[in-house]
C-alpha cells in the first residue's frame, strides 16, 4: 500500500479509501447496499490487512447506521 501525507497534519493515509456507504442499507439507502455487521467486519478486516487506514462514511448513510457498523468493525 502506498501512503500520502494528509496536508500538514503529519498523518499518513493510504492512497486507497474504503467507502462504507453500503453498510446498513436503511432509510432510503437500500438500493446502495444492505451490508450488516458480519459482512462489514469481513470487509474491514481485509481492508486493514491490505494496509488501508483511510475510511469514509457519513452520518446520512442509513441515518448514521453506517458509522456505527464501521466503528464496531474497527474496534
C-alpha atoms as a PDB file:
ATOM      1  CA  UNK A   1       0.000   0.000   0.000  1.00  0.00           C
ATOM      2  CA  UNK A   2       1.214   3.493  -0.739  1.00  0.00           C
ATOM      3  CA  UNK A   3       0.533   6.349   1.636  1.00  0.00           C
ATOM      4  CA  UNK A   4       0.357  10.109   1.362  1.00  0.00           C
ATOM      5  CA  UNK A   5       0.714  12.845   3.913  1.00  0.00           C
ATOM      6  CA  UNK A   6      -2.672  14.389   4.735  1.00  0.00           C
ATOM      7  CA  UNK A   7      -1.980  18.085   4.269  1.00  0.00           C
ATOM      8  CA  UNK A   8       0.239  19.409   7.048  1.00  0.00           C
ATOM      9  CA  UNK A   9      -1.304  17.188   9.754  1.00  0.00           C
ATOM     10  CA  UNK A  10       1.582  14.743  10.000  1.00  0.00           C
ATOM     11  CA  UNK A  11      -0.892  11.906   9.377  1.00  0.00           C
ATOM     12  CA  UNK A  12      -0.141   9.378   6.655  1.00  0.00           C
ATOM     13  CA  UNK A  13      -3.189   7.869   4.934  1.00  0.00           C
ATOM     14  CA  UNK A  14      -3.475   5.101   2.395  1.00  0.00           C
ATOM     15  CA  UNK A  15      -3.943   6.188  -1.210  1.00  0.00           C
ATOM     16  CA  UNK A  16      -6.980   3.935  -1.337  1.00  0.00           C
ATOM     17  CA  UNK A  17     -10.004   4.906   0.703  1.00  0.00           C
ATOM     18  CA  UNK A  18     -12.588   2.390   1.898  1.00  0.00           C
ATOM     19  CA  UNK A  19     -16.148   3.691   1.483  1.00  0.00           C
ATOM     20  CA  UNK A  20     -18.809   2.459   3.906  1.00  0.00           C
ATOM     21  CA  UNK A  21     -21.916   3.750   2.115  1.00  0.00           C
ATOM     22  CA  UNK A  22     -23.204   0.184   1.680  1.00  0.00           C
ATOM     23  CA  UNK A  23     -23.234  -0.542   5.412  1.00  0.00           C
ATOM     24  CA  UNK A  24     -26.722  -0.688   6.893  1.00  0.00           C
ATOM     25  CA  UNK A  25     -28.990  -0.088   3.911  1.00  0.00           C
ATOM     26  CA  UNK A  26     -31.819   1.686   5.725  1.00  0.00           C
ATOM     27  CA  UNK A  27     -33.785   4.928   5.392  1.00  0.00           C
ATOM     28  CA  UNK A  28     -33.614   5.175   1.604  1.00  0.00           C
ATOM     29  CA  UNK A  29     -30.145   3.656   1.241  1.00  0.00           C
ATOM     30  CA  UNK A  30     -31.476   0.160   0.406  1.00  0.00           C
ATOM     31  CA  UNK A  31     -30.517   0.439  -3.300  1.00  0.00           C
ATOM     32  CA  UNK A  32     -26.903   1.117  -2.333  1.00  0.00           C
ATOM     33  CA  UNK A  33     -26.494  -1.931  -0.122  1.00  0.00           C
ATOM     34  CA  UNK A  34     -27.652  -3.782   2.938  1.00  0.00           C
ATOM     35  CA  UNK A  35     -24.383  -4.988   4.384  1.00  0.00           C
ATOM     36  CA  UNK A  36     -24.764  -5.959   8.026  1.00  0.00           C
ATOM     37  CA  UNK A  37     -22.185  -6.196  10.790  1.00  0.00           C
ATOM     38  CA  UNK A  38     -20.777  -9.618   9.867  1.00  0.00           C
ATOM     39  CA  UNK A  39     -20.203  -8.659   6.248  1.00  0.00           C
ATOM     40  CA  UNK A  40     -18.757  -5.303   7.244  1.00  0.00           C
ATOM     41  CA  UNK A  41     -16.428  -6.983   9.740  1.00  0.00           C
ATOM     42  CA  UNK A  42     -15.057  -9.215   6.968  1.00  0.00           C
ATOM     43  CA  UNK A  43     -14.600  -6.354   4.518  1.00  0.00           C
ATOM     44  CA  UNK A  44     -12.955  -4.012   7.017  1.00  0.00           C
ATOM     45  CA  UNK A  45     -10.645  -6.796   8.203  1.00  0.00           C
ATOM     46  CA  UNK A  46      -9.461  -7.411   4.633  1.00  0.00           C
ATOM     47  CA  UNK A  47      -9.010  -3.684   4.056  1.00  0.00           C
ATOM     48  CA  UNK A  48      -6.864  -3.396   7.181  1.00  0.00           C
ATOM     49  CA  UNK A  49      -4.823  -6.429   6.136  1.00  0.00           C
ATOM     50  CA  UNK A  50      -4.188  -4.689   2.793  1.00  0.00           C
ATOM     51  CA  UNK A  51      -2.898  -1.615   4.631  1.00  0.00           C
ATOM     52  CA  UNK A  52      -5.913   0.660   4.193  1.00  0.00           C
ATOM     53  CA  UNK A  53      -6.218   3.163   7.035  1.00  0.00           C
ATOM     54  CA  UNK A  54      -8.443   5.727   5.309  1.00  0.00           C
ATOM     55  CA  UNK A  55     -12.187   5.135   5.758  1.00  0.00           C
ATOM     56  CA  UNK A  56     -15.104   7.203   4.514  1.00  0.00           C
ATOM     57  CA  UNK A  57     -18.604   7.335   5.943  1.00  0.00           C
ATOM     58  CA  UNK A  58     -21.184   9.980   6.736  1.00  0.00           C
ATOM     59  CA  UNK A  59     -23.976  10.408   9.238  1.00  0.00           C
ATOM     60  CA  UNK A  60     -26.510  10.498   6.399  1.00  0.00           C
ATOM     61  CA  UNK A  61     -25.710   6.931   5.275  1.00  0.00           C
ATOM     62  CA  UNK A  62     -28.579   4.882   6.704  1.00  0.00           C
ATOM     63  CA  UNK A  63     -29.193   7.652   9.253  1.00  0.00           C
ATOM     64  CA  UNK A  64     -25.828   7.061  10.937  1.00  0.00           C
ATOM     65  CA  UNK A  65     -26.025   3.265  10.981  1.00  0.00           C
ATOM     66  CA  UNK A  66     -23.077   3.085   8.566  1.00  0.00           C
ATOM     67  CA  UNK A  67     -20.900   4.925  11.082  1.00  0.00           C
ATOM     68  CA  UNK A  68     -21.988   2.609  13.896  1.00  0.00           C
ATOM     69  CA  UNK A  69     -21.257  -0.514  11.863  1.00  0.00           C
ATOM     70  CA  UNK A  70     -17.861   0.826  10.751  1.00  0.00           C
ATOM     71  CA  UNK A  71     -16.958   1.773  14.334  1.00  0.00           C
ATOM     72  CA  UNK A  72     -17.761  -1.715  15.593  1.00  0.00           C
ATOM     73  CA  UNK A  73     -15.820  -3.303  12.725  1.00  0.00           C
ATOM     74  CA  UNK A  74     -12.763  -1.176  13.545  1.00  0.00           C
ATOM     75  CA  UNK A  75     -12.887  -1.872  17.285  1.00  0.00           C
END
